Amino acid sequence: MASRPSCFLCRGFAENLSLCDRCRRGVCMNCAVNGGLHHNTTHGTAFCTSCEESRRRERMALSQSLPMLDKSAWEPDSSREGCKQCARNFSLFNRRHHCRACGGLYCSTCLTEELLSDGKTHHVCGSCMQAASTRSAPPPPPLVQSID
């Protein structure tokens, strides 16, 4: 006999559960509406409260290793006709956005990474996010040689 799905927050049984995109645990509609599931409409993702808090802490830690550029140091809007990553031309519907770390010009499709700094969310490109992840990663353990 199959068990009925239950919400991991209220432990109630529900037929339709929304899943957290990170931990894949199910949240009932009542808990989701009351703040148990955080939706990011830009990226089409949803995270439970504990995963959202973990993501926030991770983004804050990463931002320590990646300083945000002053607006005056950004690439000028007139310097590029299209996205630095996908080369799609900018238009009224495909707007240009600056990576807050390198100042490069990207479309909203390509500028999807977020970091928290000074209590604000900053959009950064994938290259800058990769650089921040590499810088903040703990050093590899030392190699140990066995003595025979």
Protein backbone atom coordinates (compact mmCIF):
# COMPACT_ATOMS: atom_id res chain seq x y z
CA MET A 1 0.00 0.00 0.00
CA ALA A 2 1.47 3.35 -1.06
CA SER A 3 1.82 6.07 1.56
CA ARG A 4 0.10 9.40 1.03
CA PRO A 5 2.39 12.39 0.39
CA SER A 6 2.74 14.77 3.33
CA CYS A 7 3.99 18.33 3.68
CA PHE A 8 7.39 18.43 5.38
CA LEU A 9 6.46 21.68 7.19
CA CYS A 10 3.05 20.96 8.72
CA ARG A 11 3.17 17.15 8.28
CA GLY A 12 -0.36 17.28 6.84
CA PHE A 13 -1.39 15.01 3.99
CA ALA A 14 -1.95 16.64 0.61
CA GLU A 15 -2.55 15.40 -2.90
CA ASN A 16 -0.66 18.22 -4.63
CA LEU A 17 2.65 19.32 -3.18
CA SER A 18 4.99 21.99 -4.53
CA LEU A 19 8.60 20.83 -4.48
CA CYS A 20 11.58 22.83 -3.29
CA ASP A 21 14.01 23.08 -6.23
CA ARG A 22 16.98 22.45 -3.94
CA CYS A 23 16.06 19.74 -1.42
CA ARG A 24 13.06 18.35 -3.39
CA ARG A 25 10.87 18.16 -0.25
CA GLY A 26 7.14 18.72 -0.73
CA VAL A 27 5.22 21.70 0.66
CA CYS A 28 1.41 21.82 0.75
CA MET A 29 -0.41 24.76 -0.83
CA ASN A 30 -1.40 26.20 2.57
CA CYS A 31 2.20 26.30 3.81
CA ALA A 32 3.49 27.56 0.45
CA VAL A 33 1.05 30.49 0.46
CA ASN A 34 1.93 31.33 4.08
CA GLY A 35 5.63 31.81 3.41
CA GLY A 36 6.88 28.22 3.42
CA LEU A 37 7.99 28.41 -0.22
CA HIS A 38 9.87 31.37 -1.73
CA HIS A 39 9.25 31.84 -5.46
CA ASN A 40 11.76 33.56 -7.74
CA THR A 41 9.71 34.56 -10.76
CA THR A 42 12.79 35.77 -12.68
CA HIS A 43 14.37 32.32 -12.67
CA GLY A 44 11.21 30.24 -12.25
CA THR A 45 12.48 28.57 -9.08
CA ALA A 46 10.99 27.90 -5.66
CA PHE A 47 12.84 27.17 -2.43
CA CYS A 48 11.60 26.15 0.99
CA THR A 49 12.38 28.49 3.90
CA SER A 50 15.43 26.57 5.11
CA CYS A 51 16.94 26.27 1.61
CA GLU A 52 16.29 29.96 0.90
CA GLU A 53 18.12 30.88 4.11
CA SER A 54 21.04 28.62 3.14
CA ARG A 55 21.17 30.22 -0.32
CA ARG A 56 21.18 33.68 1.26
CA ARG A 57 24.10 32.78 3.55
CA GLU A 58 26.05 31.26 0.63
CA ARG A 59 25.51 34.35 -1.54
CA MET A 60 26.65 36.60 1.32
CA ALA A 61 29.80 34.51 1.82
CA LEU A 62 30.58 34.61 -1.91
CA SER A 63 30.12 38.38 -2.05
CA GLN A 64 32.95 38.76 0.49
CA SER A 65 35.37 37.43 -2.13
CA LEU A 66 34.00 39.53 -5.01
CA PRO A 67 33.87 43.33 -4.64
CA MET A 68 31.13 45.20 -6.50
CA LEU A 69 32.27 47.83 -9.01
CA ASP A 70 31.30 51.47 -8.80
CA LYS A 71 28.89 52.50 -11.57
CA SER A 72 31.56 54.78 -13.09
CA ALA A 73 33.74 51.71 -13.79
CA TRP A 74 31.04 49.84 -15.75
CA GLU A 75 31.34 49.26 -19.48
CA PRO A 76 29.55 52.18 -21.24
CA ASP A 77 26.12 51.34 -22.68
CA SER A 78 27.21 52.58 -26.11
CA SER A 79 30.23 50.24 -26.26
CA ARG A 80 28.28 47.14 -27.20
CA GLU A 81 25.29 46.39 -29.46
CA GLY A 82 24.63 42.91 -28.06
CA CYS A 83 25.06 40.69 -25.02
CA LYS A 84 28.65 39.83 -24.07
CA GLN A 85 27.71 36.15 -23.66
CA CYS A 86 25.07 35.25 -26.26
CA ALA A 87 25.56 38.23 -28.65
CA ARG A 88 21.80 38.84 -28.98
CA ASN A 89 21.26 42.49 -29.96
CA PHE A 90 19.85 44.80 -27.30
CA SER A 91 16.45 46.32 -28.04
CA LEU A 92 13.39 47.72 -26.34
CA PHE A 93 12.46 44.16 -25.31
CA ASN A 94 15.97 42.72 -24.82
CA ARG A 95 17.36 45.24 -22.33
CA ARG A 96 21.02 45.63 -21.38
CA HIS A 97 22.13 44.96 -17.80
CA HIS A 98 25.52 45.43 -16.15
CA CYS A 99 27.29 42.75 -14.16
CA ARG A 100 27.92 44.44 -10.81
CA ALA A 101 31.31 42.75 -10.45
CA CYS A 102 33.01 43.18 -13.85
CA GLY A 103 30.77 45.88 -15.36
CA GLY A 104 30.13 43.90 -18.56
CA LEU A 105 26.90 44.27 -20.56
CA TYR A 106 24.55 41.26 -20.65
CA CYS A 107 20.92 40.48 -21.47
CA SER A 108 18.63 39.39 -18.64
CA THR A 109 18.75 35.77 -19.88
CA CYS A 110 22.52 35.59 -19.40
CA LEU A 111 22.82 37.67 -16.21
CA THR A 112 21.16 35.24 -13.81
CA GLU A 113 23.52 34.86 -10.86
CA GLU A 114 22.85 36.81 -7.65
CA LEU A 115 25.06 37.87 -4.76
CA LEU A 116 24.10 39.67 -1.56
CA SER A 117 26.23 42.64 -0.56
CA ASP A 118 25.38 45.55 1.74
CA GLY A 119 21.90 44.07 2.25
CA LYS A 120 21.11 44.28 -1.49
CA THR A 121 20.89 41.67 -4.22
CA HIS A 122 23.38 42.26 -7.04
CA HIS A 123 23.25 40.49 -10.43
CA VAL A 124 26.57 39.12 -11.64
CA CYS A 125 27.63 37.16 -14.71
CA GLY A 126 28.49 33.47 -14.65
CA SER A 127 32.22 34.17 -15.04
CA CYS A 128 32.28 36.43 -11.98
CA MET A 129 30.22 33.94 -9.96
CA GLN A 130 32.65 31.18 -10.94
CA ALA A 131 35.58 33.38 -9.87
CA ALA A 132 33.89 34.12 -6.54
CA SER A 133 33.20 30.42 -5.95
CA THR A 134 36.83 29.55 -6.72
CA ARG A 135 38.19 32.27 -4.42
CA SER A 136 35.93 31.37 -1.50
CA ALA A 137 36.43 27.62 -1.79
CA PRO A 138 38.51 26.12 1.00
CA PRO A 139 42.02 25.10 0.00
CA PRO A 140 42.45 21.43 -0.90
CA PRO A 141 43.73 19.17 1.88
CA PRO A 142 47.50 18.64 1.94
CA LEU A 143 48.81 15.51 0.33
CA VAL A 144 49.85 12.92 2.86
CA GLN A 145 52.56 10.47 2.04
CA SER A 146 52.59 7.17 3.79
CA ILE A 147 55.84 6.05 5.34
CA ASP A 148 56.53 2.36 4.82
